[in-house]
Amino acid sequence: MKILALDDDIAMTNLIKAYAKKLNYSVEVINNPDKLLEKIARFNPDLIILDLMMPKKDGLSLLKSIKEMELFKHIPVLIISARANRSTILSCLSAGAIGFLPKPIGLDLLSKRLHDIFDEKES
């Protein structure tokens, strides 16, 4: 399974990459939201992990863009953010996110969530 992760924080994308590789997933990371749609088209991920709060573009707008595009709307998107209040989570889910993980992300929680997503996708 292939995962594409976008976060403006390089340390966070490196952490996600290390965790996902440890779980035997193929991972690509980017730190520039302007490159997201191009990277999705080239990498063809099975899952996108998307940071919610970034300086140039917010993750919610990017999520909506992904879900509006015929080529990409089938790809599940998992949102990550330090802002994990109820209204933020509900906004993400109603915009089409498959789930939400609060930062900081731990290996156990990420592992469980990835397994849940990919098990659900296969059934």
N, C-alpha and C. Protein backbone atom coordinates (compact mmCIF):
# COMPACT_ATOMS: atom_id res chain seq x y z
N MET A 1 0.83 -1.17 0.00
CA MET A 1 0.00 0.00 0.00
C MET A 1 0.88 1.25 0.00
N LYS A 2 0.43 2.26 -0.73
CA LYS A 2 1.22 3.48 -0.89
C LYS A 2 0.55 4.65 -0.16
N ILE A 3 1.36 5.35 0.61
CA ILE A 3 0.88 6.48 1.39
C ILE A 3 1.62 7.74 0.95
N LEU A 4 0.86 8.82 0.78
CA LEU A 4 1.42 10.13 0.51
C LEU A 4 1.10 11.02 1.70
N ALA A 5 2.14 11.61 2.31
CA ALA A 5 1.94 12.47 3.48
C ALA A 5 2.36 13.90 3.16
N LEU A 6 1.51 14.85 3.53
CA LEU A 6 1.82 16.27 3.36
C LEU A 6 1.73 16.97 4.70
N ASP A 7 2.82 17.61 5.07
CA ASP A 7 2.87 18.45 6.26
C ASP A 7 3.96 19.48 6.00
N ASP A 8 3.74 20.72 6.37
CA ASP A 8 4.77 21.75 6.18
C ASP A 8 5.94 21.55 7.13
N ASP A 9 5.76 20.76 8.16
CA ASP A 9 6.81 20.48 9.15
C ASP A 9 7.61 19.26 8.69
N ILE A 10 8.86 19.50 8.29
CA ILE A 10 9.71 18.42 7.77
C ILE A 10 9.92 17.32 8.82
N ALA A 11 10.06 17.70 10.08
CA ALA A 11 10.24 16.69 11.13
C ALA A 11 9.02 15.77 11.20
N MET A 12 7.83 16.32 11.02
CA MET A 12 6.61 15.51 11.07
C MET A 12 6.54 14.55 9.89
N THR A 13 6.85 15.04 8.68
CA THR A 13 6.80 14.13 7.53
C THR A 13 7.87 13.05 7.65
N ASN A 14 9.03 13.40 8.21
CA ASN A 14 10.06 12.38 8.42
C ASN A 14 9.60 11.33 9.43
N LEU A 15 8.90 11.77 10.46
CA LEU A 15 8.37 10.85 11.47
C LEU A 15 7.32 9.92 10.86
N ILE A 16 6.40 10.49 10.09
CA ILE A 16 5.37 9.67 9.43
C ILE A 16 6.02 8.67 8.49
N LYS A 17 7.02 9.13 7.75
CA LYS A 17 7.72 8.24 6.81
C LYS A 17 8.39 7.09 7.55
N ALA A 18 9.07 7.41 8.64
CA ALA A 18 9.75 6.37 9.42
C ALA A 18 8.75 5.37 10.00
N TYR A 19 7.65 5.86 10.56
CA TYR A 19 6.62 4.99 11.11
C TYR A 19 6.02 4.10 10.03
N ALA A 20 5.65 4.70 8.91
CA ALA A 20 4.99 3.94 7.84
C ALA A 20 5.92 2.89 7.24
N LYS A 21 7.19 3.25 7.09
CA LYS A 21 8.16 2.26 6.57
C LYS A 21 8.33 1.11 7.56
N LYS A 22 8.33 1.43 8.85
CA LYS A 22 8.43 0.40 9.88
C LYS A 22 7.25 -0.57 9.78
N LEU A 23 6.11 -0.06 9.31
CA LEU A 23 4.91 -0.88 9.15
C LEU A 23 4.81 -1.49 7.74
N ASN A 24 5.89 -1.36 6.97
CA ASN A 24 6.00 -1.93 5.62
C ASN A 24 5.09 -1.30 4.57
N TYR A 25 4.84 0.00 4.70
CA TYR A 25 4.11 0.73 3.67
C TYR A 25 5.10 1.51 2.82
N SER A 26 4.76 1.70 1.57
CA SER A 26 5.54 2.55 0.68
C SER A 26 5.08 3.99 0.93
N VAL A 27 6.03 4.89 1.17
CA VAL A 27 5.67 6.25 1.58
C VAL A 27 6.42 7.30 0.76
N GLU A 28 5.68 8.32 0.36
CA GLU A 28 6.26 9.53 -0.23
C GLU A 28 5.79 10.68 0.64
N VAL A 29 6.68 11.66 0.87
CA VAL A 29 6.30 12.82 1.67
C VAL A 29 6.60 14.10 0.89
N ILE A 30 5.77 15.10 1.14
CA ILE A 30 6.02 16.43 0.59
C ILE A 30 5.73 17.46 1.66
N ASN A 31 6.38 18.61 1.53
CA ASN A 31 6.22 19.68 2.51
C ASN A 31 5.61 20.94 1.92
N ASN A 32 5.36 20.91 0.62
CA ASN A 32 4.81 22.07 -0.07
C ASN A 32 3.40 21.75 -0.57
N PRO A 33 2.38 22.39 -0.01
CA PRO A 33 1.01 22.09 -0.42
C PRO A 33 0.73 22.40 -1.89
N ASP A 34 1.50 23.31 -2.48
CA ASP A 34 1.31 23.63 -3.90
C ASP A 34 1.63 22.45 -4.81
N LYS A 35 2.37 21.49 -4.32
CA LYS A 35 2.78 20.32 -5.12
C LYS A 35 1.89 19.11 -4.91
N LEU A 36 0.88 19.23 -4.05
CA LEU A 36 0.08 18.06 -3.67
C LEU A 36 -0.62 17.38 -4.85
N LEU A 37 -1.38 18.12 -5.62
CA LEU A 37 -2.16 17.49 -6.70
C LEU A 37 -1.25 16.85 -7.74
N GLU A 38 -0.14 17.51 -8.04
CA GLU A 38 0.83 16.94 -8.99
C GLU A 38 1.41 15.63 -8.44
N LYS A 39 1.73 15.62 -7.15
CA LYS A 39 2.31 14.43 -6.52
C LYS A 39 1.30 13.29 -6.47
N ILE A 40 0.04 13.60 -6.20
CA ILE A 40 -1.00 12.56 -6.20
C ILE A 40 -1.08 11.91 -7.57
N ALA A 41 -1.07 12.73 -8.60
CA ALA A 41 -1.17 12.21 -9.98
C ALA A 41 0.01 11.30 -10.33
N ARG A 42 1.20 11.66 -9.87
CA ARG A 42 2.39 10.86 -10.20
C ARG A 42 2.54 9.61 -9.32
N PHE A 43 2.23 9.73 -8.04
CA PHE A 43 2.46 8.63 -7.09
C PHE A 43 1.28 7.67 -7.00
N ASN A 44 0.08 8.16 -7.25
CA ASN A 44 -1.14 7.35 -7.18
C ASN A 44 -1.26 6.61 -5.83
N PRO A 45 -1.36 7.37 -4.74
CA PRO A 45 -1.37 6.75 -3.41
C PRO A 45 -2.69 6.03 -3.10
N ASP A 46 -2.60 5.09 -2.16
CA ASP A 46 -3.79 4.41 -1.64
C ASP A 46 -4.38 5.19 -0.47
N LEU A 47 -3.58 6.10 0.10
CA LEU A 47 -4.01 6.92 1.23
C LEU A 47 -3.21 8.21 1.22
N ILE A 48 -3.87 9.30 1.58
CA ILE A 48 -3.19 10.59 1.76
C ILE A 48 -3.32 10.98 3.23
N ILE A 49 -2.19 11.32 3.84
CA ILE A 49 -2.18 11.86 5.20
C ILE A 49 -1.90 13.35 5.05
N LEU A 50 -2.80 14.16 5.57
CA LEU A 50 -2.78 15.59 5.28
C LEU A 50 -2.84 16.41 6.57
N ASP A 51 -1.86 17.29 6.73
CA ASP A 51 -1.86 18.22 7.87
C ASP A 51 -2.95 19.25 7.67
N LEU A 52 -3.59 19.64 8.74
CA LEU A 52 -4.68 20.59 8.65
C LEU A 52 -4.20 22.04 8.62
N MET A 53 -3.20 22.35 9.42
CA MET A 53 -2.76 23.74 9.55
C MET A 53 -1.39 23.95 8.92
N MET A 54 -1.39 24.66 7.80
CA MET A 54 -0.15 24.98 7.09
C MET A 54 -0.19 26.45 6.71
N PRO A 55 0.97 27.09 6.58
CA PRO A 55 0.98 28.53 6.32
C PRO A 55 0.43 28.95 4.95
N LYS A 56 0.73 28.22 3.90
CA LYS A 56 0.30 28.63 2.55
C LYS A 56 -1.15 28.27 2.26
N LYS A 57 -1.51 27.03 2.53
CA LYS A 57 -2.87 26.53 2.26
C LYS A 57 -3.30 25.68 3.44
N ASP A 58 -4.55 25.78 3.79
CA ASP A 58 -5.01 24.95 4.89
C ASP A 58 -5.45 23.58 4.38
N GLY A 59 -5.30 22.59 5.22
CA GLY A 59 -5.61 21.22 4.85
C GLY A 59 -7.06 20.99 4.49
N LEU A 60 -7.97 21.73 5.10
CA LEU A 60 -9.39 21.56 4.80
C LEU A 60 -9.68 21.95 3.34
N SER A 61 -9.09 23.04 2.89
CA SER A 61 -9.26 23.45 1.48
C SER A 61 -8.67 22.42 0.54
N LEU A 62 -7.50 21.89 0.90
CA LEU A 62 -6.87 20.85 0.07
C LEU A 62 -7.73 19.59 0.03
N LEU A 63 -8.27 19.21 1.18
CA LEU A 63 -9.16 18.04 1.25
C LEU A 63 -10.35 18.23 0.32
N LYS A 64 -10.96 19.39 0.37
CA LYS A 64 -12.12 19.67 -0.49
C LYS A 64 -11.72 19.62 -1.97
N SER A 65 -10.54 20.13 -2.30
CA SER A 65 -10.06 20.07 -3.70
C SER A 65 -9.90 18.63 -4.16
N ILE A 66 -9.32 17.80 -3.31
CA ILE A 66 -9.12 16.38 -3.64
C ILE A 66 -10.46 15.71 -3.88
N LYS A 67 -11.41 15.95 -2.99
CA LYS A 67 -12.71 15.28 -3.07
C LYS A 67 -13.58 15.79 -4.22
N GLU A 68 -13.25 16.96 -4.76
CA GLU A 68 -13.99 17.49 -5.91
C GLU A 68 -13.45 16.99 -7.24
N MET A 69 -12.26 16.40 -7.23
CA MET A 69 -11.63 15.96 -8.47
C MET A 69 -11.98 14.50 -8.76
N GLU A 70 -12.53 14.26 -9.91
CA GLU A 70 -12.96 12.91 -10.31
C GLU A 70 -11.83 11.89 -10.19
N LEU A 71 -10.62 12.27 -10.59
CA LEU A 71 -9.49 11.33 -10.56
C LEU A 71 -9.03 10.97 -9.15
N PHE A 72 -9.27 11.85 -8.19
CA PHE A 72 -8.71 11.66 -6.85
C PHE A 72 -9.73 11.41 -5.76
N LYS A 73 -11.01 11.64 -6.01
CA LYS A 73 -12.00 11.62 -4.93
C LYS A 73 -12.14 10.27 -4.24
N HIS A 74 -11.70 9.20 -4.89
CA HIS A 74 -11.79 7.86 -4.30
C HIS A 74 -10.68 7.59 -3.27
N ILE A 75 -9.65 8.43 -3.25
CA ILE A 75 -8.51 8.19 -2.36
C ILE A 75 -8.87 8.64 -0.94
N PRO A 76 -8.75 7.75 0.04
CA PRO A 76 -9.04 8.14 1.41
C PRO A 76 -8.02 9.17 1.91
N VAL A 77 -8.50 10.12 2.70
CA VAL A 77 -7.64 11.16 3.27
C VAL A 77 -7.77 11.13 4.79
N LEU A 78 -6.63 11.00 5.45
CA LEU A 78 -6.56 11.02 6.91
C LEU A 78 -5.97 12.36 7.32
N ILE A 79 -6.68 13.11 8.14
CA ILE A 79 -6.22 14.43 8.58
C ILE A 79 -5.45 14.29 9.89
N ILE A 80 -4.35 15.05 10.00
CA ILE A 80 -3.60 15.14 11.25
C ILE A 80 -3.53 16.61 11.66
N SER A 81 -3.62 16.85 12.97
CA SER A 81 -3.54 18.23 13.44
C SER A 81 -3.39 18.28 14.95
N ALA A 82 -2.73 19.33 15.41
CA ALA A 82 -2.65 19.59 16.84
C ALA A 82 -3.96 20.20 17.34
N ARG A 83 -4.74 20.73 16.41
CA ARG A 83 -6.04 21.34 16.76
C ARG A 83 -7.11 20.26 16.64
N ALA A 84 -7.34 19.56 17.73
CA ALA A 84 -8.23 18.40 17.70
C ALA A 84 -9.53 18.64 18.46
N ASN A 85 -10.13 19.80 18.24
CA ASN A 85 -11.41 20.04 18.91
C ASN A 85 -12.55 19.43 18.09
N ARG A 86 -13.68 19.28 18.71
CA ARG A 86 -14.82 18.59 18.10
C ARG A 86 -15.26 19.22 16.78
N SER A 87 -15.36 20.54 16.73
CA SER A 87 -15.84 21.19 15.50
C SER A 87 -14.85 21.02 14.35
N THR A 88 -13.56 21.05 14.65
CA THR A 88 -12.54 20.85 13.61
C THR A 88 -12.64 19.44 13.05
N ILE A 89 -12.74 18.46 13.93
CA ILE A 89 -12.84 17.07 13.50
C ILE A 89 -14.09 16.86 12.66
N LEU A 90 -15.22 17.38 13.11
CA LEU A 90 -16.47 17.23 12.36
C LEU A 90 -16.40 17.92 10.99
N SER A 91 -15.76 19.07 10.92
CA SER A 91 -15.59 19.76 9.63
C SER A 91 -14.79 18.91 8.66
N CYS A 92 -13.74 18.29 9.16
CA CYS A 92 -12.90 17.43 8.31
C CYS A 92 -13.67 16.20 7.83
N LEU A 93 -14.39 15.57 8.73
CA LEU A 93 -15.15 14.38 8.36
C LEU A 93 -16.27 14.72 7.38
N SER A 94 -16.94 15.85 7.59
CA SER A 94 -18.02 16.21 6.67
C SER A 94 -17.48 16.63 5.30
N ALA A 95 -16.22 17.04 5.23
CA ALA A 95 -15.60 17.40 3.95
C ALA A 95 -15.06 16.18 3.21
N GLY A 96 -15.12 15.00 3.86
CA GLY A 96 -14.72 13.79 3.17
C GLY A 96 -13.53 13.04 3.74
N ALA A 97 -12.97 13.53 4.85
CA ALA A 97 -11.85 12.80 5.46
C ALA A 97 -12.34 11.47 6.01
N ILE A 98 -11.47 10.47 5.94
CA ILE A 98 -11.81 9.14 6.46
C ILE A 98 -11.56 9.06 7.96
N GLY A 99 -10.77 10.00 8.47
CA GLY A 99 -10.46 10.01 9.89
C GLY A 99 -9.60 11.18 10.27
N PHE A 100 -9.29 11.27 11.55
CA PHE A 100 -8.54 12.38 12.11
C PHE A 100 -7.62 11.84 13.19
N LEU A 101 -6.35 12.23 13.16
CA LEU A 101 -5.41 11.85 14.21
C LEU A 101 -4.84 13.11 14.85
N PRO A 102 -4.85 13.19 16.18
CA PRO A 102 -4.26 14.35 16.84
C PRO A 102 -2.73 14.24 16.87
N LYS A 103 -2.08 15.40 16.75
CA LYS A 103 -0.63 15.45 16.93
C LYS A 103 -0.37 15.67 18.41
N PRO A 104 0.71 15.16 18.96
CA PRO A 104 1.74 14.36 18.29
C PRO A 104 1.24 12.94 18.00
N ILE A 105 1.72 12.40 16.91
CA ILE A 105 1.28 11.08 16.47
C ILE A 105 2.22 10.02 17.04
N GLY A 106 1.62 8.99 17.61
CA GLY A 106 2.40 7.87 18.12
C GLY A 106 2.33 6.70 17.15
N LEU A 107 3.33 5.85 17.19
CA LEU A 107 3.40 4.70 16.29
C LEU A 107 2.20 3.77 16.47
N ASP A 108 1.82 3.48 17.71
CA ASP A 108 0.72 2.54 17.95
C ASP A 108 -0.60 3.05 17.37
N LEU A 109 -0.90 4.31 17.59
CA LEU A 109 -2.15 4.88 17.08
C LEU A 109 -2.13 4.94 15.55
N LEU A 110 -1.02 5.36 14.97
CA LEU A 110 -0.92 5.41 13.51
C LEU A 110 -1.04 4.01 12.92
N SER A 111 -0.38 3.05 13.53
CA SER A 111 -0.43 1.67 13.06
C SER A 111 -1.87 1.14 13.06
N LYS A 112 -2.57 1.35 14.16
CA LYS A 112 -3.95 0.88 14.25
C LYS A 112 -4.83 1.54 13.20
N ARG A 113 -4.67 2.85 13.06
CA ARG A 113 -5.52 3.58 12.11
C ARG A 113 -5.24 3.15 10.67
N LEU A 114 -3.97 2.97 10.32
CA LEU A 114 -3.62 2.54 8.96
C LEU A 114 -4.17 1.14 8.68
N HIS A 115 -4.03 0.25 9.65
CA HIS A 115 -4.58 -1.10 9.47
C HIS A 115 -6.10 -1.05 9.29
N ASP A 116 -6.77 -0.24 10.09
CA ASP A 116 -8.23 -0.10 9.97
C ASP A 116 -8.61 0.42 8.58
N ILE A 117 -7.92 1.44 8.12
CA ILE A 117 -8.23 2.04 6.82
C ILE A 117 -8.00 1.05 5.69
N PHE A 118 -6.86 0.38 5.70
CA PHE A 118 -6.56 -0.53 4.60
C PHE A 118 -7.39 -1.80 4.66
N ASP A 119 -7.74 -2.27 5.86
CA ASP A 119 -8.64 -3.42 5.97
C ASP A 119 -10.02 -3.07 5.42
N GLU A 120 -10.50 -1.87 5.73
CA GLU A 120 -11.80 -1.40 5.25
C GLU A 120 -11.78 -1.22 3.74
N LYS A 121 -10.67 -0.72 3.22
CA LYS A 121 -10.56 -0.48 1.77
C LYS A 121 -10.56 -1.79 0.99
N GLU A 122 -9.98 -2.85 1.57
CA GLU A 122 -9.91 -4.14 0.88
C GLU A 122 -11.23 -4.89 0.91
N SER A 123 -12.10 -4.57 1.88
CA SER A 123 -13.37 -5.31 1.96
C SER A 123 -14.48 -4.66 1.16
